[in-house]
Amino acid sequence: MAIKASRAPLSRERVLSAAVALADREGLPALTMRRLAAELSVEAMSLYHHLAAKEALLDGVVETVIAEIVPAGGAEPDWRARLKQQFLAAREVMLRHPWMPGLLGSRRTVPTTVFAYYDGIVGTLVGAGFSYRLAHRALHALGSMPLGFVQEVFSPGAAGGDFDPATAEAEMAALAEAMPNITAMVAAEIHAAGDPTLGWCDSQTEFEFTLDLMLDGFERLRAKG
C-alpha cells in the first residue's frame, strides 16, 4: 500500500512565510487569500483559522519582514555606528522585499513588532545620553530611515521598487524648458545601474549620505546637553 507523503501542518508562521515568498515572486497585488491558499495547497477558509482577514494577513507580513532585521553592531561603543549598522541592515531587508515600503505606508495601524523595533532605537539613543525629548525629535527627523528607506514627497512609481530611471529622465526632459534647474539636477543625479534603489531619490549613496549627516547633527545636539 502506498504511503501518503506527510505535509507540514498549517500554522500562522508557515502561512506568513508563504505570503512573503509569494509577494517576492509575483508582487504584492498577487497576495490574496485565495492565491495564498493555492500556494499552500489548502482551502482558502483554512487560512482564516490563523489570520482573521486580509488586513490581518498584511499586518502579519509586515511583522514577518520586520523580524528579518537583525540589529547589527550591538557591541559598537559609538551609538552612531550602532544605529547606522542597524539601519543599513534594515535596508538590506527592504531591498530583498522592495514591495515592503509601500505596504508599510498603507497600514492603518502600526504592528506591535514595529513599535518594539523603534523602542530599541529609543533605548540606544537614551543610553547614549539623549533626553527623551531629543530622542523623540530625532525619530521625527529620521522618518522612515530606521526601516531602511526614505519616504519621498515626489515618488513616481511609489516606494515599491518599480522606479525606472530611464522613464524618469524622459519625463523630466519633456519639461526641461519649464523647469531647467530640476531637469539639470535630475540629469546629473540619475542613479547608476548598480546603485540599489527603492524609490525616486532613494539610492544607497543618498541614503547613507543623509543618514551620516543626521547622525552627526544629533551628536552635536546631544553634546550640548
C-alpha atoms as a PDB file:
ATOM      1  CA  MET A   1       0.000   0.000   0.000  1.00  0.00           C
ATOM      2  CA  ALA A   2       1.401   3.420  -0.937  1.00  0.00           C
ATOM      3  CA  ILE A   3       2.402   5.658   1.957  1.00  0.00           C
ATOM      4  CA  LYS A   4       0.890   9.130   1.753  1.00  0.00           C
ATOM      5  CA  ALA A   5       3.517  11.862   1.959  1.00  0.00           C
ATOM      6  CA  SER A   6       3.231  13.892   5.145  1.00  0.00           C
ATOM      7  CA  ARG A   7       2.681  17.634   4.831  1.00  0.00           C
ATOM      8  CA  ALA A   8       3.814  20.237   7.348  1.00  0.00           C
ATOM      9  CA  PRO A   9       0.852  21.330   9.472  1.00  0.00           C
ATOM     10  CA  LEU A  10      -0.589  24.728   8.701  1.00  0.00           C
ATOM     11  CA  SER A  11       0.458  27.417  11.144  1.00  0.00           C
ATOM     12  CA  ARG A  12       0.445  31.208  11.266  1.00  0.00           C
ATOM     13  CA  GLU A  13       4.219  31.244  10.722  1.00  0.00           C
ATOM     14  CA  ARG A  14       4.008  28.938   7.714  1.00  0.00           C
ATOM     15  CA  VAL A  15       1.195  30.984   6.169  1.00  0.00           C
ATOM     16  CA  LEU A  16       3.095  34.243   6.592  1.00  0.00           C
ATOM     17  CA  SER A  17       6.331  32.782   5.260  1.00  0.00           C
ATOM     18  CA  ALA A  18       4.481  31.631   2.152  1.00  0.00           C
ATOM     19  CA  ALA A  19       2.847  35.077   1.833  1.00  0.00           C
ATOM     20  CA  VAL A  20       6.217  36.852   1.864  1.00  0.00           C
ATOM     21  CA  ALA A  21       7.624  34.406  -0.691  1.00  0.00           C
ATOM     22  CA  LEU A  22       4.601  34.940  -2.957  1.00  0.00           C
ATOM     23  CA  ALA A  23       4.902  38.733  -2.766  1.00  0.00           C
ATOM     24  CA  ASP A  24       8.634  38.479  -3.539  1.00  0.00           C
ATOM     25  CA  ARG A  25       7.988  36.323  -6.565  1.00  0.00           C
ATOM     26  CA  GLU A  26       4.853  37.901  -8.061  1.00  0.00           C
ATOM     27  CA  GLY A  27       4.410  41.261  -6.373  1.00  0.00           C
ATOM     28  CA  LEU A  28       2.106  42.447  -3.611  1.00  0.00           C
ATOM     29  CA  PRO A  29      -1.046  42.612  -5.803  1.00  0.00           C
ATOM     30  CA  ALA A  30      -0.799  38.828  -6.234  1.00  0.00           C
ATOM     31  CA  LEU A  31      -1.112  38.321  -2.495  1.00  0.00           C
ATOM     32  CA  THR A  32      -4.759  37.328  -1.995  1.00  0.00           C
ATOM     33  CA  MET A  33      -6.213  34.796   0.426  1.00  0.00           C
ATOM     34  CA  ARG A  34      -7.303  32.583  -2.461  1.00  0.00           C
ATOM     35  CA  ARG A  35      -3.919  32.736  -4.199  1.00  0.00           C
ATOM     36  CA  LEU A  36      -2.083  32.099  -0.938  1.00  0.00           C
ATOM     37  CA  ALA A  37      -4.288  29.099  -0.172  1.00  0.00           C
ATOM     38  CA  ALA A  38      -3.423  27.649  -3.567  1.00  0.00           C
ATOM     39  CA  GLU A  39       0.273  28.115  -2.784  1.00  0.00           C
ATOM     40  CA  LEU A  40      -0.188  26.125   0.412  1.00  0.00           C
ATOM     41  CA  SER A  41      -2.473  23.527  -1.226  1.00  0.00           C
ATOM     42  CA  VAL A  42      -5.289  24.195   1.228  1.00  0.00           C
ATOM     43  CA  GLU A  43      -8.794  25.622   1.069  1.00  0.00           C
ATOM     44  CA  ALA A  44      -8.975  29.403   1.469  1.00  0.00           C
ATOM     45  CA  MET A  45     -11.156  29.024   4.563  1.00  0.00           C
ATOM     46  CA  SER A  46      -8.296  27.203   6.295  1.00  0.00           C
ATOM     47  CA  LEU A  47      -6.299  30.419   6.352  1.00  0.00           C
ATOM     48  CA  TYR A  48      -8.918  32.207   8.430  1.00  0.00           C
ATOM     49  CA  HIS A  49      -8.138  29.971  11.393  1.00  0.00           C
ATOM     50  CA  HIS A  50      -4.763  31.681  11.549  1.00  0.00           C
ATOM     51  CA  LEU A  51      -5.445  35.154  10.114  1.00  0.00           C
ATOM     52  CA  ALA A  52      -8.886  36.680  10.520  1.00  0.00           C
ATOM     53  CA  ALA A  53      -8.897  38.724   7.284  1.00  0.00           C
ATOM     54  CA  LYS A  54      -6.768  40.184   4.510  1.00  0.00           C
ATOM     55  CA  GLU A  55      -5.733  43.122   6.718  1.00  0.00           C
ATOM     56  CA  ALA A  56      -4.529  40.708   9.393  1.00  0.00           C
ATOM     57  CA  LEU A  57      -2.539  38.899   6.711  1.00  0.00           C
ATOM     58  CA  LEU A  58      -0.853  42.115   5.588  1.00  0.00           C
ATOM     59  CA  ASP A  59      -0.075  43.142   9.171  1.00  0.00           C
ATOM     60  CA  GLY A  60       1.408  39.690   9.707  1.00  0.00           C
ATOM     61  CA  VAL A  61       3.531  40.083   6.587  1.00  0.00           C
ATOM     62  CA  VAL A  62       4.868  43.384   7.972  1.00  0.00           C
ATOM     63  CA  GLU A  63       5.713  41.666  11.262  1.00  0.00           C
ATOM     64  CA  THR A  64       7.459  38.823   9.442  1.00  0.00           C
ATOM     65  CA  VAL A  65       9.647  41.107   7.350  1.00  0.00           C
ATOM     66  CA  ILE A  66      10.495  43.409  10.273  1.00  0.00           C
ATOM     67  CA  ALA A  67      11.604  40.329  12.203  1.00  0.00           C
ATOM     68  CA  GLU A  68      14.237  39.755   9.490  1.00  0.00           C
ATOM     69  CA  ILE A  69      16.044  42.914  10.585  1.00  0.00           C
ATOM     70  CA  VAL A  70      18.807  41.629  12.819  1.00  0.00           C
ATOM     71  CA  PRO A  71      20.183  44.624  14.745  1.00  0.00           C
ATOM     72  CA  ALA A  72      23.865  44.864  13.898  1.00  0.00           C
ATOM     73  CA  GLY A  73      26.712  46.450  15.797  1.00  0.00           C
ATOM     74  CA  GLY A  74      25.362  45.647  19.256  1.00  0.00           C
ATOM     75  CA  ALA A  75      28.878  45.822  20.672  1.00  0.00           C
ATOM     76  CA  GLU A  76      29.754  49.099  18.899  1.00  0.00           C
ATOM     77  CA  PRO A  77      30.710  51.666  21.571  1.00  0.00           C
ATOM     78  CA  ASP A  78      29.659  54.570  19.347  1.00  0.00           C
ATOM     79  CA  TRP A  79      25.884  54.989  19.186  1.00  0.00           C
ATOM     80  CA  ARG A  80      26.085  56.445  15.660  1.00  0.00           C
ATOM     81  CA  ALA A  81      27.948  53.411  14.315  1.00  0.00           C
ATOM     82  CA  ARG A  82      25.495  51.104  16.082  1.00  0.00           C
ATOM     83  CA  LEU A  83      22.411  52.784  14.630  1.00  0.00           C
ATOM     84  CA  LYS A  84      23.959  53.178  11.191  1.00  0.00           C
ATOM     85  CA  GLN A  85      24.686  49.451  11.016  1.00  0.00           C
ATOM     86  CA  GLN A  86      21.158  48.680  12.154  1.00  0.00           C
ATOM     87  CA  PHE A  87      19.559  50.975   9.586  1.00  0.00           C
ATOM     88  CA  LEU A  88      21.734  49.562   6.823  1.00  0.00           C
ATOM     89  CA  ALA A  89      20.721  46.054   7.924  1.00  0.00           C
ATOM     90  CA  ALA A  90      17.101  47.205   7.596  1.00  0.00           C
ATOM     91  CA  ARG A  91      17.850  48.493   4.108  1.00  0.00           C
ATOM     92  CA  GLU A  92      19.202  45.096   3.063  1.00  0.00           C
ATOM     93  CA  VAL A  93      15.869  43.602   4.144  1.00  0.00           C
ATOM     94  CA  MET A  94      13.894  46.213   2.184  1.00  0.00           C
ATOM     95  CA  LEU A  95      15.974  45.580  -0.916  1.00  0.00           C
ATOM     96  CA  ARG A  96      15.122  41.875  -0.632  1.00  0.00           C
ATOM     97  CA  HIS A  97      11.436  42.810  -0.391  1.00  0.00           C
ATOM     98  CA  PRO A  98      11.090  46.032  -2.475  1.00  0.00           C
ATOM     99  CA  TRP A  99       7.293  45.983  -2.127  1.00  0.00           C
ATOM    100  CA  MET A 100       7.609  46.401   1.640  1.00  0.00           C
ATOM    101  CA  PRO A 101       7.999  50.221   1.880  1.00  0.00           C
ATOM    102  CA  GLY A 102       4.721  50.684   0.019  1.00  0.00           C
ATOM    103  CA  LEU A 103       2.970  48.142   2.259  1.00  0.00           C
ATOM    104  CA  LEU A 104       4.244  49.832   5.425  1.00  0.00           C
ATOM    105  CA  GLY A 105       2.858  53.144   4.242  1.00  0.00           C
ATOM    106  CA  SER A 106      -0.583  51.625   3.697  1.00  0.00           C
ATOM    107  CA  ARG A 107      -1.074  50.184   7.208  1.00  0.00           C
ATOM    108  CA  ARG A 108      -3.927  51.709   9.208  1.00  0.00           C
ATOM    109  CA  THR A 109      -2.349  50.599  12.465  1.00  0.00           C
ATOM    110  CA  VAL A 110       1.268  50.011  13.440  1.00  0.00           C
ATOM    111  CA  PRO A 111       2.023  46.340  14.157  1.00  0.00           C
ATOM    112  CA  THR A 112       3.470  45.687  17.618  1.00  0.00           C
ATOM    113  CA  THR A 113       6.774  44.459  16.204  1.00  0.00           C
ATOM    114  CA  VAL A 114       7.344  47.847  14.540  1.00  0.00           C
ATOM    115  CA  PHE A 115       6.822  49.621  17.872  1.00  0.00           C
ATOM    116  CA  ALA A 116       9.208  47.157  19.514  1.00  0.00           C
ATOM    117  CA  TYR A 117      11.808  47.836  16.826  1.00  0.00           C
ATOM    118  CA  TYR A 118      11.605  51.584  17.431  1.00  0.00           C
ATOM    119  CA  ASP A 119      11.667  51.030  21.178  1.00  0.00           C
ATOM    120  CA  GLY A 120      15.128  49.539  20.764  1.00  0.00           C
ATOM    121  CA  ILE A 121      16.238  52.592  18.791  1.00  0.00           C
ATOM    122  CA  VAL A 122      14.991  54.946  21.516  1.00  0.00           C
ATOM    123  CA  GLY A 123      16.812  52.788  24.064  1.00  0.00           C
ATOM    124  CA  THR A 124      20.055  53.220  22.113  1.00  0.00           C
ATOM    125  CA  LEU A 125      19.607  56.992  21.980  1.00  0.00           C
ATOM    126  CA  VAL A 126      18.712  57.366  25.659  1.00  0.00           C
ATOM    127  CA  GLY A 127      21.574  55.044  26.621  1.00  0.00           C
ATOM    128  CA  ALA A 128      23.921  57.362  24.704  1.00  0.00           C
ATOM    129  CA  GLY A 129      22.808  60.346  26.767  1.00  0.00           C
ATOM    130  CA  PHE A 130      19.885  61.716  24.741  1.00  0.00           C
ATOM    131  CA  SER A 131      16.919  63.086  26.650  1.00  0.00           C
ATOM    132  CA  TYR A 132      13.574  61.545  25.755  1.00  0.00           C
ATOM    133  CA  ARG A 133      12.588  64.865  24.183  1.00  0.00           C
ATOM    134  CA  LEU A 134      15.623  64.886  21.880  1.00  0.00           C
ATOM    135  CA  ALA A 135      15.168  61.184  21.096  1.00  0.00           C
ATOM    136  CA  HIS A 136      11.567  61.932  20.089  1.00  0.00           C
ATOM    137  CA  ARG A 137      12.675  64.731  17.800  1.00  0.00           C
ATOM    138  CA  ALA A 138      15.383  62.532  16.316  1.00  0.00           C
ATOM    139  CA  LEU A 139      12.786  59.889  15.395  1.00  0.00           C
ATOM    140  CA  HIS A 140      10.689  62.532  13.646  1.00  0.00           C
ATOM    141  CA  ALA A 141      13.715  63.787  11.733  1.00  0.00           C
ATOM    142  CA  LEU A 142      14.801  60.278  10.734  1.00  0.00           C
ATOM    143  CA  GLY A 143      11.349  59.424   9.385  1.00  0.00           C
ATOM    144  CA  SER A 144      11.408  56.011   7.707  1.00  0.00           C
ATOM    145  CA  MET A 145      15.213  55.731   7.600  1.00  0.00           C
ATOM    146  CA  PRO A 146      15.374  53.339  10.599  1.00  0.00           C
ATOM    147  CA  LEU A 147      13.356  50.944   8.436  1.00  0.00           C
ATOM    148  CA  GLY A 148      15.875  51.176   5.621  1.00  0.00           C
ATOM    149  CA  PHE A 149      14.262  53.512   3.104  1.00  0.00           C
ATOM    150  CA  VAL A 150      13.260  57.129   2.633  1.00  0.00           C
ATOM    151  CA  GLN A 151       9.707  58.266   2.018  1.00  0.00           C
ATOM    152  CA  GLU A 152       9.854  60.824  -0.763  1.00  0.00           C
ATOM    153  CA  VAL A 153       7.415  63.664  -1.330  1.00  0.00           C
ATOM    154  CA  PHE A 154       7.625  63.045  -5.082  1.00  0.00           C
ATOM    155  CA  SER A 155       7.844  59.358  -5.891  1.00  0.00           C
ATOM    156  CA  PRO A 156       6.956  58.267  -9.431  1.00  0.00           C
ATOM    157  CA  GLY A 157       6.479  54.538  -9.238  1.00  0.00           C
ATOM    158  CA  ALA A 158       5.985  54.874  -5.455  1.00  0.00           C
ATOM    159  CA  ALA A 159       8.284  53.205  -2.936  1.00  0.00           C
ATOM    160  CA  GLY A 160       7.618  49.772  -4.258  1.00  0.00           C
ATOM    161  CA  GLY A 161      10.682  49.007  -6.284  1.00  0.00           C
ATOM    162  CA  ASP A 162       9.163  49.849  -9.694  1.00  0.00           C
ATOM    163  CA  PHE A 163      11.117  53.065 -10.266  1.00  0.00           C
ATOM    164  CA  ASP A 164      12.625  53.273 -13.746  1.00  0.00           C
ATOM    165  CA  PRO A 165      15.391  55.903 -14.053  1.00  0.00           C
ATOM    166  CA  ALA A 166      15.126  55.953 -17.859  1.00  0.00           C
ATOM    167  CA  THR A 167      11.416  56.754 -17.677  1.00  0.00           C
ATOM    168  CA  ALA A 168      12.009  59.466 -15.090  1.00  0.00           C
ATOM    169  CA  GLU A 169      14.708  61.028 -17.237  1.00  0.00           C
ATOM    170  CA  ALA A 170      12.410  61.055 -20.283  1.00  0.00           C
ATOM    171  CA  GLU A 171       9.571  62.636 -18.298  1.00  0.00           C
ATOM    172  CA  MET A 172      11.821  65.363 -16.933  1.00  0.00           C
ATOM    173  CA  ALA A 173      13.332  66.050 -20.377  1.00  0.00           C
ATOM    174  CA  ALA A 174       9.826  66.829 -21.651  1.00  0.00           C
ATOM    175  CA  LEU A 175       9.579  69.560 -19.000  1.00  0.00           C
ATOM    176  CA  ALA A 176      13.115  70.904 -19.443  1.00  0.00           C
ATOM    177  CA  GLU A 177      12.073  74.350 -20.661  1.00  0.00           C
ATOM    178  CA  ALA A 178       9.628  74.950 -17.822  1.00  0.00           C
ATOM    179  CA  MET A 179      11.885  73.522 -15.091  1.00  0.00           C
ATOM    180  CA  PRO A 180      15.516  73.924 -16.195  1.00  0.00           C
ATOM    181  CA  ASN A 181      17.095  73.612 -12.740  1.00  0.00           C
ATOM    182  CA  ILE A 182      15.208  70.500 -11.651  1.00  0.00           C
ATOM    183  CA  THR A 183      15.830  68.925 -15.067  1.00  0.00           C
ATOM    184  CA  ALA A 184      19.560  69.619 -14.880  1.00  0.00           C
ATOM    185  CA  MET A 185      19.718  68.191 -11.351  1.00  0.00           C
ATOM    186  CA  VAL A 186      17.894  65.016 -12.343  1.00  0.00           C
ATOM    187  CA  ALA A 187      20.125  64.562 -15.390  1.00  0.00           C
ATOM    188  CA  ALA A 188      23.199  64.883 -13.170  1.00  0.00           C
ATOM    189  CA  GLU A 189      21.852  62.589 -10.468  1.00  0.00           C
ATOM    190  CA  ILE A 190      20.229  59.713 -12.384  1.00  0.00           C
ATOM    191  CA  HIS A 191      21.396  56.715 -10.431  1.00  0.00           C
ATOM    192  CA  ALA A 192      23.947  54.265 -11.748  1.00  0.00           C
ATOM    193  CA  ALA A 193      22.540  50.858 -12.648  1.00  0.00           C
ATOM    194  CA  GLY A 194      24.451  49.226  -9.789  1.00  0.00           C
ATOM    195  CA  ASP A 195      23.197  51.624  -7.104  1.00  0.00           C
ATOM    196  CA  PRO A 196      20.325  49.898  -5.222  1.00  0.00           C
ATOM    197  CA  THR A 197      17.176  51.994  -5.406  1.00  0.00           C
ATOM    198  CA  LEU A 198      13.856  51.820  -3.551  1.00  0.00           C
ATOM    199  CA  GLY A 199      12.221  54.941  -4.948  1.00  0.00           C
ATOM    200  CA  TRP A 200      12.511  58.248  -6.747  1.00  0.00           C
ATOM    201  CA  CYS A 201      15.504  59.572  -4.780  1.00  0.00           C
ATOM    202  CA  ASP A 202      16.261  56.599  -2.569  1.00  0.00           C
ATOM    203  CA  SER A 203      19.616  55.237  -3.681  1.00  0.00           C
ATOM    204  CA  GLN A 204      22.162  53.612  -1.401  1.00  0.00           C
ATOM    205  CA  THR A 205      24.503  56.576  -1.850  1.00  0.00           C
ATOM    206  CA  GLU A 206      21.877  59.154  -0.906  1.00  0.00           C
ATOM    207  CA  PHE A 207      20.538  57.024   1.945  1.00  0.00           C
ATOM    208  CA  GLU A 208      23.968  56.766   3.594  1.00  0.00           C
ATOM    209  CA  PHE A 209      24.807  60.436   2.942  1.00  0.00           C
ATOM    210  CA  THR A 210      21.590  61.608   4.605  1.00  0.00           C
ATOM    211  CA  LEU A 211      21.935  59.144   7.470  1.00  0.00           C
ATOM    212  CA  ASP A 212      25.507  60.230   8.260  1.00  0.00           C
ATOM    213  CA  LEU A 213      24.503  63.899   8.078  1.00  0.00           C
ATOM    214  CA  MET A 214      21.628  63.424  10.516  1.00  0.00           C
ATOM    215  CA  LEU A 215      23.510  61.239  12.983  1.00  0.00           C
ATOM    216  CA  ASP A 216      26.363  63.761  13.126  1.00  0.00           C
ATOM    217  CA  GLY A 217      23.847  66.545  13.715  1.00  0.00           C
ATOM    218  CA  PHE A 218      22.180  64.594  16.524  1.00  0.00           C
ATOM    219  CA  GLU A 219      25.591  64.047  18.133  1.00  0.00           C
ATOM    220  CA  ARG A 220      26.193  67.813  18.212  1.00  0.00           C
ATOM    221  CA  LEU A 221      22.818  68.333  19.884  1.00  0.00           C
ATOM    222  CA  ARG A 222      23.480  65.530  22.364  1.00  0.00           C
ATOM    223  CA  ALA A 223      26.849  67.030  23.278  1.00  0.00           C
ATOM    224  CA  LYS A 224      25.186  70.373  24.080  1.00  0.00           C
ATOM    225  CA  GLY A 225      23.175  68.563  26.756  1.00  0.00           C
END
